[in-house]
Amino acid sequence: SVVIVPLLSGSGIRVKIIENMALGKCVVSTAVGAEGIGATNEKNILIADEPKLFSEKVVEALTNKSFRHSIETNAFSFASANFDNNKLAETLNDFYKKLIAE
């Protein structure tokens, strides 16, 4: 029901977070884990760096179905709007068309 990403170090975009958001999953991550994605805490992802707060967010996501559902719905919308392969391909195609036109 909840995807947990307790990363404390690393670099680059976390593709597994994006994949799970696209699947409509509620993700609980550290700020490092969510870095570079552009997601919004408490809207489409849950972010906490302190162990106590992290565990509280996991428990809340597991026990509060309406809250979890809201995060899941927003996560799906966010991933679809920002990381859909077809939309990304269209943007790249438009960019190349502009280059050719110049």
Protein backbone atom coordinates (compact mmCIF):
# COMPACT_ATOMS: atom_id res chain seq x y z
CA SER A 1 0.00 0.00 0.00
CA VAL A 2 2.87 2.40 0.72
CA VAL A 3 6.28 2.65 -0.95
CA ILE A 4 9.07 3.52 1.48
CA VAL A 5 12.27 5.20 0.24
CA PRO A 6 14.53 5.98 3.23
CA LEU A 7 17.58 7.15 1.23
CA LEU A 8 20.20 9.14 3.08
CA SER A 9 22.68 9.60 0.21
CA GLY A 10 22.77 9.33 -3.55
CA SER A 11 22.43 11.32 -6.74
CA GLY A 12 20.24 11.50 -9.81
CA ILE A 13 16.51 11.10 -10.22
CA ARG A 14 14.98 8.15 -8.43
CA VAL A 15 13.18 6.33 -11.24
CA LYS A 16 11.54 3.86 -8.84
CA ILE A 17 9.78 6.74 -7.08
CA ILE A 18 8.46 8.06 -10.39
CA GLU A 19 7.39 4.55 -11.46
CA ASN A 20 5.47 4.04 -8.24
CA MET A 21 3.86 7.46 -8.45
CA ALA A 22 2.77 6.58 -12.00
CA LEU A 23 1.22 3.42 -10.57
CA GLY A 24 -0.73 5.57 -8.11
CA LYS A 25 1.20 4.52 -5.02
CA CYS A 26 1.74 6.61 -1.92
CA VAL A 27 5.48 7.21 -1.55
CA VAL A 28 7.18 8.11 1.73
CA SER A 29 10.73 9.30 1.15
CA THR A 30 13.52 11.39 2.55
CA ALA A 31 14.32 14.69 0.86
CA VAL A 32 17.41 13.05 -0.67
CA GLY A 33 15.26 10.30 -2.12
CA ALA A 34 12.81 12.75 -3.69
CA GLU A 35 15.49 15.14 -4.91
CA GLY A 36 15.19 16.15 -8.54
CA ILE A 37 11.64 14.89 -9.01
CA GLY A 38 9.85 18.13 -8.18
CA ALA A 39 7.11 16.49 -6.15
CA THR A 40 5.35 18.44 -3.39
CA ASN A 41 5.40 17.19 0.20
CA GLU A 42 1.98 16.34 1.63
CA LYS A 43 0.40 16.72 -1.84
CA ASN A 44 1.78 13.98 -4.08
CA ILE A 45 4.52 12.51 -1.90
CA LEU A 46 5.34 12.36 1.80
CA ILE A 47 8.82 13.58 2.74
CA ALA A 48 10.50 13.29 6.13
CA ASP A 49 14.16 13.23 7.13
CA GLU A 50 13.94 12.59 10.86
CA PRO A 51 13.36 8.91 11.78
CA LYS A 52 10.43 9.65 14.11
CA LEU A 53 8.65 11.85 11.58
CA PHE A 54 9.39 9.37 8.80
CA SER A 55 7.80 6.53 10.75
CA GLU A 56 4.82 8.72 11.66
CA LYS A 57 4.21 9.46 7.98
CA VAL A 58 4.41 5.78 7.11
CA VAL A 59 1.92 4.92 9.86
CA GLU A 60 -0.42 7.74 8.81
CA ALA A 61 -0.31 6.59 5.19
CA LEU A 62 -1.07 3.02 6.24
CA THR A 63 -3.88 3.85 8.65
CA ASN A 64 -5.59 6.89 7.12
CA LYS A 65 -7.10 5.60 3.87
CA SER A 66 -8.57 8.92 2.72
CA PHE A 67 -5.24 10.71 3.26
CA ARG A 68 -3.35 7.93 1.43
CA HIS A 69 -5.87 7.96 -1.41
CA SER A 70 -5.41 11.73 -1.82
CA ILE A 71 -1.61 11.33 -2.05
CA GLU A 72 -2.00 8.40 -4.47
CA THR A 73 -4.37 10.31 -6.77
CA ASN A 74 -2.14 13.38 -6.79
CA ALA A 75 0.98 11.24 -7.32
CA PHE A 76 -0.58 9.60 -10.38
CA SER A 77 -1.59 12.99 -11.82
CA PHE A 78 1.85 14.45 -11.11
CA ALA A 79 3.71 11.54 -12.74
CA SER A 80 1.39 11.57 -15.74
CA ALA A 81 1.82 15.30 -16.27
CA ASN A 82 5.59 15.39 -15.78
CA PHE A 83 7.05 12.02 -16.75
CA ASP A 84 4.78 10.42 -19.35
CA ASN A 85 6.97 9.07 -22.18
CA ASN A 86 4.58 10.21 -24.91
CA LYS A 87 4.44 13.76 -23.57
CA LEU A 88 8.22 13.87 -23.19
CA ALA A 89 8.64 12.61 -26.76
CA GLU A 90 6.23 15.30 -28.04
CA THR A 91 8.21 18.00 -26.23
CA LEU A 92 11.47 16.71 -27.71
CA ASN A 93 9.91 16.49 -31.18
CA ASP A 94 8.65 20.09 -30.92
CA PHE A 95 12.14 21.20 -29.89
CA TYR A 96 13.69 19.52 -32.94
CA LYS A 97 11.07 21.07 -35.23
CA LYS A 98 11.98 24.52 -33.92
CA LEU A 99 15.68 23.84 -34.53
CA ILE A 100 15.00 22.76 -38.11
CA ALA A 101 12.81 25.82 -38.74
CA GLU A 102 15.58 28.20 -37.70
